[in-house]
């Protein structure tokens, strides 16, 4: 039903709003148990996504770390290498 929610903290450049919203959407899908809400639940679903994205942005803005920021391209390459190893049959 949903992909894994990716880590968004401590990247250079910082997480974009569309990435934060995608993570919020995945969270709401997982918690609600549905990828697409019924018409009766559309408003609650959309409101939950917006509120979780808003709170997530505040969280990311407030977190502090002494670790150097991770490079998105390097992390993506590592993920591709792990996937290739995992799916090699």
PDB file of N, CA and C in Angstrom:
ATOM      1  N   UNK A   1       0.823  -1.195   0.000  1.00  0.00           N
ATOM      2  CA  UNK A   1       0.000   0.000   0.000  1.00  0.00           C
ATOM      3  C   UNK A   1       0.860   1.249   0.000  1.00  0.00           C
ATOM      4  N   UNK A   2       1.913   1.302   0.794  1.00  0.00           N
ATOM      5  CA  UNK A   2       2.715   2.513   0.759  1.00  0.00           C
ATOM      6  C   UNK A   2       4.200   2.200   0.808  1.00  0.00           C
ATOM      7  N   UNK A   3       4.936   3.109   0.256  1.00  0.00           N
ATOM      8  CA  UNK A   3       6.383   2.989   0.271  1.00  0.00           C
ATOM      9  C   UNK A   3       6.885   3.317   1.673  1.00  0.00           C
ATOM     10  N   UNK A   4       8.142   3.015   1.895  1.00  0.00           N
ATOM     11  CA  UNK A   4       8.746   3.414   3.159  1.00  0.00           C
ATOM     12  C   UNK A   4       8.854   4.928   3.222  1.00  0.00           C
ATOM     13  N   UNK A   5       8.640   5.458   4.398  1.00  0.00           N
ATOM     14  CA  UNK A   5       8.817   6.894   4.591  1.00  0.00           C
ATOM     15  C   UNK A   5      10.313   7.135   4.723  1.00  0.00           C
ATOM     16  N   UNK A   6      10.841   8.048   3.947  1.00  0.00           N
ATOM     17  CA  UNK A   6      12.279   8.308   3.934  1.00  0.00           C
ATOM     18  C   UNK A   6      12.677   9.310   5.008  1.00  0.00           C
ATOM     19  N   UNK A   7      13.914   9.176   5.464  1.00  0.00           N
ATOM     20  CA  UNK A   7      14.473  10.136   6.400  1.00  0.00           C
ATOM     21  C   UNK A   7      14.611  11.476   5.687  1.00  0.00           C
ATOM     22  N   UNK A   8      14.188  12.540   6.354  1.00  0.00           N
ATOM     23  CA  UNK A   8      14.227  13.865   5.749  1.00  0.00           C
ATOM     24  C   UNK A   8      15.173  14.815   6.480  1.00  0.00           C
ATOM     25  N   UNK A   9      15.637  14.419   7.638  1.00  0.00           N
ATOM     26  CA  UNK A   9      16.460  15.302   8.461  1.00  0.00           C
ATOM     27  C   UNK A   9      17.938  15.227   8.065  1.00  0.00           C
ATOM     28  N   UNK A  10      18.601  16.357   8.135  1.00  0.00           N
ATOM     29  CA  UNK A  10      20.052  16.492   7.970  1.00  0.00           C
ATOM     30  C   UNK A  10      20.536  16.172   6.560  1.00  0.00           C
ATOM     31  N   UNK A  11      19.862  16.720   5.577  1.00  0.00           N
ATOM     32  CA  UNK A  11      20.303  16.594   4.195  1.00  0.00           C
ATOM     33  C   UNK A  11      20.664  17.954   3.650  1.00  0.00           C
ATOM     34  N   UNK A  12      21.572  17.953   2.692  1.00  0.00           N
ATOM     35  CA  UNK A  12      21.946  19.171   1.999  1.00  0.00           C
ATOM     36  C   UNK A  12      21.668  18.958   0.524  1.00  0.00           C
ATOM     37  N   UNK A  13      20.750  19.647  -0.082  1.00  0.00           N
ATOM     38  CA  UNK A  13      19.895  20.695   0.463  1.00  0.00           C
ATOM     39  C   UNK A  13      18.806  20.090   1.353  1.00  0.00           C
ATOM     40  N   UNK A  14      18.215  20.925   2.211  1.00  0.00           N
ATOM     41  CA  UNK A  14      17.172  20.441   3.124  1.00  0.00           C
ATOM     42  C   UNK A  14      15.961  19.882   2.370  1.00  0.00           C
ATOM     43  N   UNK A  15      15.159  19.111   3.088  1.00  0.00           N
ATOM     44  CA  UNK A  15      13.960  18.510   2.500  1.00  0.00           C
ATOM     45  C   UNK A  15      13.045  19.590   1.929  1.00  0.00           C
ATOM     46  N   UNK A  16      12.550  19.323   0.734  1.00  0.00           N
ATOM     47  CA  UNK A  16      11.618  20.246   0.089  1.00  0.00           C
ATOM     48  C   UNK A  16      10.211  20.005   0.623  1.00  0.00           C
ATOM     49  N   UNK A  17       9.329  20.965   0.414  1.00  0.00           N
ATOM     50  CA  UNK A  17       7.950  20.842   0.884  1.00  0.00           C
ATOM     51  C   UNK A  17       7.236  19.652   0.251  1.00  0.00           C
ATOM     52  N   UNK A  18       7.540  19.361  -1.016  1.00  0.00           N
ATOM     53  CA  UNK A  18       6.875  18.216  -1.649  1.00  0.00           C
ATOM     54  C   UNK A  18       7.334  16.898  -1.029  1.00  0.00           C
ATOM     55  N   UNK A  19       8.576  16.824  -0.559  1.00  0.00           N
ATOM     56  CA  UNK A  19       9.055  15.622   0.121  1.00  0.00           C
ATOM     57  C   UNK A  19       8.388  15.463   1.482  1.00  0.00           C
ATOM     58  N   UNK A  20       8.219  16.580   2.185  1.00  0.00           N
ATOM     59  CA  UNK A  20       7.544  16.559   3.486  1.00  0.00           C
ATOM     60  C   UNK A  20       6.098  16.130   3.299  1.00  0.00           C
ATOM     61  N   UNK A  21       5.422  16.665   2.279  1.00  0.00           N
ATOM     62  CA  UNK A  21       4.033  16.295   2.026  1.00  0.00           C
ATOM     63  C   UNK A  21       3.921  14.827   1.635  1.00  0.00           C
ATOM     64  N   UNK A  22       4.860  14.325   0.836  1.00  0.00           N
ATOM     65  CA  UNK A  22       4.829  12.914   0.441  1.00  0.00           C
ATOM     66  C   UNK A  22       4.982  12.003   1.659  1.00  0.00           C
ATOM     67  N   UNK A  23       5.849  12.382   2.581  1.00  0.00           N
ATOM     68  CA  UNK A  23       6.014  11.595   3.802  1.00  0.00           C
ATOM     69  C   UNK A  23       4.734  11.632   4.639  1.00  0.00           C
ATOM     70  N   UNK A  24       4.109  12.797   4.734  1.00  0.00           N
ATOM     71  CA  UNK A  24       2.855  12.926   5.476  1.00  0.00           C
ATOM     72  C   UNK A  24       1.761  12.072   4.835  1.00  0.00           C
ATOM     73  N   UNK A  25       1.693  12.090   3.526  1.00  0.00           N
ATOM     74  CA  UNK A  25       0.709  11.287   2.810  1.00  0.00           C
ATOM     75  C   UNK A  25       0.918   9.798   3.080  1.00  0.00           C
ATOM     76  N   UNK A  26       2.167   9.358   3.028  1.00  0.00           N
ATOM     77  CA  UNK A  26       2.462   7.947   3.298  1.00  0.00           C
ATOM     78  C   UNK A  26       2.074   7.568   4.722  1.00  0.00           C
ATOM     79  N   UNK A  27       2.327   8.467   5.659  1.00  0.00           N
ATOM     80  CA  UNK A  27       1.967   8.216   7.054  1.00  0.00           C
ATOM     81  C   UNK A  27       0.447   8.078   7.199  1.00  0.00           C
ATOM     82  N   UNK A  28      -0.293   9.002   6.621  1.00  0.00           N
ATOM     83  CA  UNK A  28      -1.755   8.966   6.729  1.00  0.00           C
ATOM     84  C   UNK A  28      -2.304   7.717   6.039  1.00  0.00           C
ATOM     85  N   UNK A  29      -1.742   7.345   4.916  1.00  0.00           N
ATOM     86  CA  UNK A  29      -2.174   6.120   4.237  1.00  0.00           C
ATOM     87  C   UNK A  29      -1.950   4.903   5.124  1.00  0.00           C
ATOM     88  N   UNK A  30      -0.793   4.845   5.740  1.00  0.00           N
ATOM     89  CA  UNK A  30      -0.464   3.703   6.586  1.00  0.00           C
ATOM     90  C   UNK A  30      -1.386   3.640   7.800  1.00  0.00           C
ATOM     91  N   UNK A  31      -1.553   4.765   8.480  1.00  0.00           N
ATOM     92  CA  UNK A  31      -2.372   4.798   9.689  1.00  0.00           C
ATOM     93  C   UNK A  31      -3.844   4.527   9.374  1.00  0.00           C
ATOM     94  N   UNK A  32      -4.332   5.075   8.270  1.00  0.00           N
ATOM     95  CA  UNK A  32      -5.752   4.907   7.937  1.00  0.00           C
ATOM     96  C   UNK A  32      -6.036   3.549   7.309  1.00  0.00           C
ATOM     97  N   UNK A  33      -5.000   2.917   6.768  1.00  0.00           N
ATOM     98  CA  UNK A  33      -5.190   1.616   6.130  1.00  0.00           C
ATOM     99  C   UNK A  33      -5.758   1.706   4.735  1.00  0.00           C
ATOM    100  N   UNK A  34      -5.682   2.881   4.142  1.00  0.00           N
ATOM    101  CA  UNK A  34      -6.212   3.058   2.790  1.00  0.00           C
ATOM    102  C   UNK A  34      -5.329   4.000   1.991  1.00  0.00           C
ATOM    103  N   UNK A  35      -5.164   3.686   0.723  1.00  0.00           N
ATOM    104  CA  UNK A  35      -4.379   4.555  -0.149  1.00  0.00           C
ATOM    105  C   UNK A  35      -5.213   5.700  -0.692  1.00  0.00           C
ATOM    106  N   UNK A  36      -6.505   5.464  -0.823  1.00  0.00           N
ATOM    107  CA  UNK A  36      -7.411   6.488  -1.345  1.00  0.00           C
ATOM    108  C   UNK A  36      -8.668   6.471  -0.480  1.00  0.00           C
ATOM    109  N   UNK A  37      -8.954   7.582   0.171  1.00  0.00           N
ATOM    110  CA  UNK A  37     -10.125   7.594   1.058  1.00  0.00           C
ATOM    111  C   UNK A  37     -11.440   7.614   0.278  1.00  0.00           C
ATOM    112  N   UNK A  38     -12.487   7.180   0.940  1.00  0.00           N
ATOM    113  CA  UNK A  38     -13.818   7.277   0.352  1.00  0.00           C
ATOM    114  C   UNK A  38     -14.209   8.754   0.290  1.00  0.00           C
ATOM    115  N   UNK A  39     -15.237   9.052  -0.454  1.00  0.00           N
ATOM    116  CA  UNK A  39     -15.685  10.446  -0.552  1.00  0.00           C
ATOM    117  C   UNK A  39     -16.044  11.003   0.816  1.00  0.00           C
ATOM    118  N   UNK A  40     -16.613  10.162   1.658  1.00  0.00           N
ATOM    119  CA  UNK A  40     -17.019  10.600   2.997  1.00  0.00           C
ATOM    120  C   UNK A  40     -15.809  10.976   3.852  1.00  0.00           C
ATOM    121  N   UNK A  41     -14.648  10.408   3.544  1.00  0.00           N
ATOM    122  CA  UNK A  41     -13.455  10.649   4.353  1.00  0.00           C
ATOM    123  C   UNK A  41     -12.403  11.529   3.681  1.00  0.00           C
ATOM    124  N   UNK A  42     -12.674  11.994   2.470  1.00  0.00           N
ATOM    125  CA  UNK A  42     -11.687  12.791   1.732  1.00  0.00           C
ATOM    126  C   UNK A  42     -11.228  14.023   2.499  1.00  0.00           C
ATOM    127  N   UNK A  43     -12.162  14.750   3.080  1.00  0.00           N
ATOM    128  CA  UNK A  43     -11.815  15.987   3.777  1.00  0.00           C
ATOM    129  C   UNK A  43     -10.938  15.701   4.997  1.00  0.00           C
ATOM    130  N   UNK A  44     -11.301  14.715   5.786  1.00  0.00           N
ATOM    131  CA  UNK A  44     -10.511  14.360   6.970  1.00  0.00           C
ATOM    132  C   UNK A  44      -9.120  13.881   6.560  1.00  0.00           C
ATOM    133  N   UNK A  45      -9.045  13.107   5.492  1.00  0.00           N
ATOM    134  CA  UNK A  45      -7.786  12.580   4.980  1.00  0.00           C
ATOM    135  C   UNK A  45      -6.877  13.737   4.549  1.00  0.00           C
ATOM    136  N   UNK A  46      -7.413  14.648   3.739  1.00  0.00           N
ATOM    137  CA  UNK A  46      -6.636  15.791   3.249  1.00  0.00           C
ATOM    138  C   UNK A  46      -6.193  16.696   4.395  1.00  0.00           C
ATOM    139  N   UNK A  47      -7.084  16.910   5.356  1.00  0.00           N
ATOM    140  CA  UNK A  47      -6.743  17.743   6.509  1.00  0.00           C
ATOM    141  C   UNK A  47      -5.617  17.099   7.328  1.00  0.00           C
ATOM    142  N   UNK A  48      -5.686  15.786   7.504  1.00  0.00           N
ATOM    143  CA  UNK A  48      -4.643  15.075   8.252  1.00  0.00           C
ATOM    144  C   UNK A  48      -3.292  15.196   7.537  1.00  0.00           C
ATOM    145  N   UNK A  49      -3.292  15.037   6.220  1.00  0.00           N
ATOM    146  CA  UNK A  49      -2.038  15.164   5.456  1.00  0.00           C
ATOM    147  C   UNK A  49      -1.458  16.564   5.629  1.00  0.00           C
ATOM    148  N   UNK A  50      -2.299  17.582   5.503  1.00  0.00           N
ATOM    149  CA  UNK A  50      -1.829  18.970   5.628  1.00  0.00           C
ATOM    150  C   UNK A  50      -1.286  19.248   7.032  1.00  0.00           C
ATOM    151  N   UNK A  51      -1.995  18.793   8.043  1.00  0.00           N
ATOM    152  CA  UNK A  51      -1.550  19.041   9.422  1.00  0.00           C
ATOM    153  C   UNK A  51      -0.260  18.296   9.742  1.00  0.00           C
ATOM    154  N   UNK A  52      -0.144  17.056   9.303  1.00  0.00           N
ATOM    155  CA  UNK A  52       1.072  16.282   9.563  1.00  0.00           C
ATOM    156  C   UNK A  52       2.250  16.876   8.798  1.00  0.00           C
ATOM    157  N   UNK A  53       2.032  17.323   7.577  1.00  0.00           N
ATOM    158  CA  UNK A  53       3.106  17.978   6.818  1.00  0.00           C
ATOM    159  C   UNK A  53       3.564  19.245   7.533  1.00  0.00           C
ATOM    160  N   UNK A  54       2.612  20.014   8.050  1.00  0.00           N
ATOM    161  CA  UNK A  54       2.931  21.250   8.768  1.00  0.00           C
ATOM    162  C   UNK A  54       3.770  20.953  10.019  1.00  0.00           C
ATOM    163  N   UNK A  55       3.344  19.989  10.803  1.00  0.00           N
ATOM    164  CA  UNK A  55       4.065  19.632  12.025  1.00  0.00           C
ATOM    165  C   UNK A  55       5.439  19.042  11.684  1.00  0.00           C
ATOM    166  N   UNK A  56       5.502  18.256  10.620  1.00  0.00           N
ATOM    167  CA  UNK A  56       6.778  17.668  10.206  1.00  0.00           C
ATOM    168  C   UNK A  56       7.765  18.752   9.799  1.00  0.00           C
ATOM    169  N   UNK A  57       7.289  19.761   9.081  1.00  0.00           N
ATOM    170  CA  UNK A  57       8.166  20.868   8.691  1.00  0.00           C
ATOM    171  C   UNK A  57       8.710  21.566   9.925  1.00  0.00           C
ATOM    172  N   UNK A  58       7.848  21.817  10.920  1.00  0.00           N
ATOM    173  CA  UNK A  58       8.313  22.430  12.170  1.00  0.00           C
ATOM    174  C   UNK A  58       9.349  21.547  12.858  1.00  0.00           C
ATOM    175  N   UNK A  59       9.103  20.256  12.894  1.00  0.00           N
ATOM    176  CA  UNK A  59      10.055  19.333  13.509  1.00  0.00           C
ATOM    177  C   UNK A  59      11.402  19.402  12.808  1.00  0.00           C
ATOM    178  N   UNK A  60      11.400  19.315  11.495  1.00  0.00           N
ATOM    179  CA  UNK A  60      12.654  19.352  10.739  1.00  0.00           C
ATOM    180  C   UNK A  60      13.390  20.675  10.944  1.00  0.00           C
ATOM    181  N   UNK A  61      12.640  21.771  11.018  1.00  0.00           N
ATOM    182  CA  UNK A  61      13.259  23.078  11.221  1.00  0.00           C
ATOM    183  C   UNK A  61      13.859  23.214  12.618  1.00  0.00           C
ATOM    184  N   UNK A  62      13.283  22.521  13.602  1.00  0.00           N
ATOM    185  CA  UNK A  62      13.731  22.650  14.996  1.00  0.00           C
ATOM    186  C   UNK A  62      14.802  21.649  15.406  1.00  0.00           C
ATOM    187  N   UNK A  63      14.960  20.555  14.662  1.00  0.00           N
ATOM    188  CA  UNK A  63      15.959  19.553  15.039  1.00  0.00           C
ATOM    189  C   UNK A  63      17.370  20.119  14.901  1.00  0.00           C
ATOM    190  N   UNK A  64      18.232  19.710  15.829  1.00  0.00           N
ATOM    191  CA  UNK A  64      19.616  20.172  15.843  1.00  0.00           C
ATOM    192  C   UNK A  64      20.521  18.947  15.793  1.00  0.00           C
ATOM    193  N   UNK A  65      21.612  19.046  15.059  1.00  0.00           N
ATOM    194  CA  UNK A  65      22.578  17.959  15.008  1.00  0.00           C
ATOM    195  C   UNK A  65      23.976  18.525  14.835  1.00  0.00           C
ATOM    196  N   UNK A  66      24.953  17.771  15.297  1.00  0.00           N
ATOM    197  CA  UNK A  66      26.348  18.165  15.088  1.00  0.00           C
ATOM    198  C   UNK A  66      26.958  17.396  13.925  1.00  0.00           C
ATOM    199  N   UNK A  67      26.215  16.427  13.397  1.00  0.00           N
ATOM    200  CA  UNK A  67      26.700  15.641  12.265  1.00  0.00           C
ATOM    201  C   UNK A  67      26.663  16.489  10.998  1.00  0.00           C
ATOM    202  N   UNK A  68      27.604  16.269  10.116  1.00  0.00           N
ATOM    203  CA  UNK A  68      27.572  17.009   8.856  1.00  0.00           C
ATOM    204  C   UNK A  68      26.376  16.561   8.020  1.00  0.00           C
ATOM    205  N   UNK A  69      25.801  17.468   7.220  1.00  0.00           N
ATOM    206  CA  UNK A  69      24.650  17.094   6.391  1.00  0.00           C
ATOM    207  C   UNK A  69      25.024  16.004   5.389  1.00  0.00           C
ATOM    208  N   UNK A  70      24.067  15.112   5.142  1.00  0.00           N
ATOM    209  CA  UNK A  70      24.278  14.041   4.171  1.00  0.00           C
ATOM    210  C   UNK A  70      23.991  14.583   2.774  1.00  0.00           C
ATOM    211  N   UNK A  71      24.734  14.082   1.810  1.00  0.00           N
ATOM    212  CA  UNK A  71      24.550  14.457   0.414  1.00  0.00           C
ATOM    213  C   UNK A  71      23.489  13.552  -0.197  1.00  0.00           C
ATOM    214  N   UNK A  72      22.483  14.143  -0.814  1.00  0.00           N
ATOM    215  CA  UNK A  72      21.377  13.366  -1.374  1.00  0.00           C
ATOM    216  C   UNK A  72      21.837  12.382  -2.443  1.00  0.00           C
ATOM    217  N   UNK A  73      22.733  12.805  -3.296  1.00  0.00           N
ATOM    218  CA  UNK A  73      23.196  11.930  -4.378  1.00  0.00           C
ATOM    219  C   UNK A  73      23.974  10.734  -3.837  1.00  0.00           C
ATOM    220  N   UNK A  74      24.809  10.968  -2.845  1.00  0.00           N
ATOM    221  CA  UNK A  74      25.589   9.882  -2.242  1.00  0.00           C
ATOM    222  C   UNK A  74      24.650   8.886  -1.570  1.00  0.00           C
ATOM    223  N   UNK A  75      23.681   9.379  -0.823  1.00  0.00           N
ATOM    224  CA  UNK A  75      22.726   8.498  -0.134  1.00  0.00           C
ATOM    225  C   UNK A  75      21.877   7.727  -1.142  1.00  0.00           C
ATOM    226  N   UNK A  76      21.494   8.368  -2.242  1.00  0.00           N
ATOM    227  CA  UNK A  76      20.714   7.683  -3.281  1.00  0.00           C
ATOM    228  C   UNK A  76      21.533   6.572  -3.923  1.00  0.00           C
ATOM    229  N   UNK A  77      22.815   6.830  -4.162  1.00  0.00           N
ATOM    230  CA  UNK A  77      23.687   5.815  -4.744  1.00  0.00           C
ATOM    231  C   UNK A  77      23.833   4.628  -3.793  1.00  0.00           C
ATOM    232  N   UNK A  78      23.970   4.901  -2.503  1.00  0.00           N
ATOM    233  CA  UNK A  78      24.051   3.813  -1.513  1.00  0.00           C
ATOM    234  C   UNK A  78      22.773   2.987  -1.517  1.00  0.00           C
ATOM    235  N   UNK A  79      21.627   3.647  -1.591  1.00  0.00           N
ATOM    236  CA  UNK A  79      20.341   2.946  -1.605  1.00  0.00           C
ATOM    237  C   UNK A  79      20.211   2.076  -2.853  1.00  0.00           C
ATOM    238  N   UNK A  80      20.641   2.606  -3.998  1.00  0.00           N
ATOM    239  CA  UNK A  80      20.593   1.814  -5.234  1.00  0.00           C
ATOM    240  C   UNK A  80      21.491   0.588  -5.123  1.00  0.00           C
ATOM    241  N   UNK A  81      22.675   0.753  -4.537  1.00  0.00           N
ATOM    242  CA  UNK A  81      23.593  -0.372  -4.374  1.00  0.00           C
ATOM    243  C   UNK A  81      22.996  -1.435  -3.445  1.00  0.00           C
ATOM    244  N   UNK A  82      22.358  -0.989  -2.352  1.00  0.00           N
ATOM    245  CA  UNK A  82      21.722  -1.948  -1.434  1.00  0.00           C
ATOM    246  C   UNK A  82      20.594  -2.690  -2.144  1.00  0.00           C
ATOM    247  N   UNK A  83      19.795  -1.971  -2.933  1.00  0.00           N
ATOM    248  CA  UNK A  83      18.688  -2.607  -3.651  1.00  0.00           C
ATOM    249  C   UNK A  83      19.195  -3.600  -4.673  1.00  0.00           C
ATOM    250  N   UNK A  84      20.244  -3.236  -5.370  1.00  0.00           N
ATOM    251  CA  UNK A  84      20.802  -4.139  -6.378  1.00  0.00           C
ATOM    252  C   UNK A  84      21.308  -5.414  -5.711  1.00  0.00           C
ATOM    253  N   UNK A  85      21.956  -5.279  -4.586  1.00  0.00           N
ATOM    254  CA  UNK A  85      22.461  -6.450  -3.847  1.00  0.00           C
ATOM    255  C   UNK A  85      21.288  -7.302  -3.337  1.00  0.00           C
ATOM    256  N   UNK A  86      20.261  -6.644  -2.835  1.00  0.00           N
ATOM    257  CA  UNK A  86      19.112  -7.354  -2.258  1.00  0.00           C
ATOM    258  C   UNK A  86      18.348  -8.131  -3.328  1.00  0.00           C
ATOM    259  N   UNK A  87      18.190  -7.540  -4.514  1.00  0.00           N
ATOM    260  CA  UNK A  87      17.367  -8.163  -5.553  1.00  0.00           C
ATOM    261  C   UNK A  87      18.166  -8.997  -6.550  1.00  0.00           C
ATOM    262  N   UNK A  88      19.455  -9.099  -6.312  1.00  0.00           N
ATOM    263  CA  UNK A  88      20.279  -9.952  -7.174  1.00  0.00           C
ATOM    264  C   UNK A  88      19.892 -11.398  -6.867  1.00  0.00           C
ATOM    265  N   UNK A  89      19.467 -12.089  -7.883  1.00  0.00           N
ATOM    266  CA  UNK A  89      19.001 -13.478  -7.634  1.00  0.00           C
ATOM    267  C   UNK A  89      19.772 -14.490  -8.425  1.00  0.00           C
TER     268      UNK A  89
END
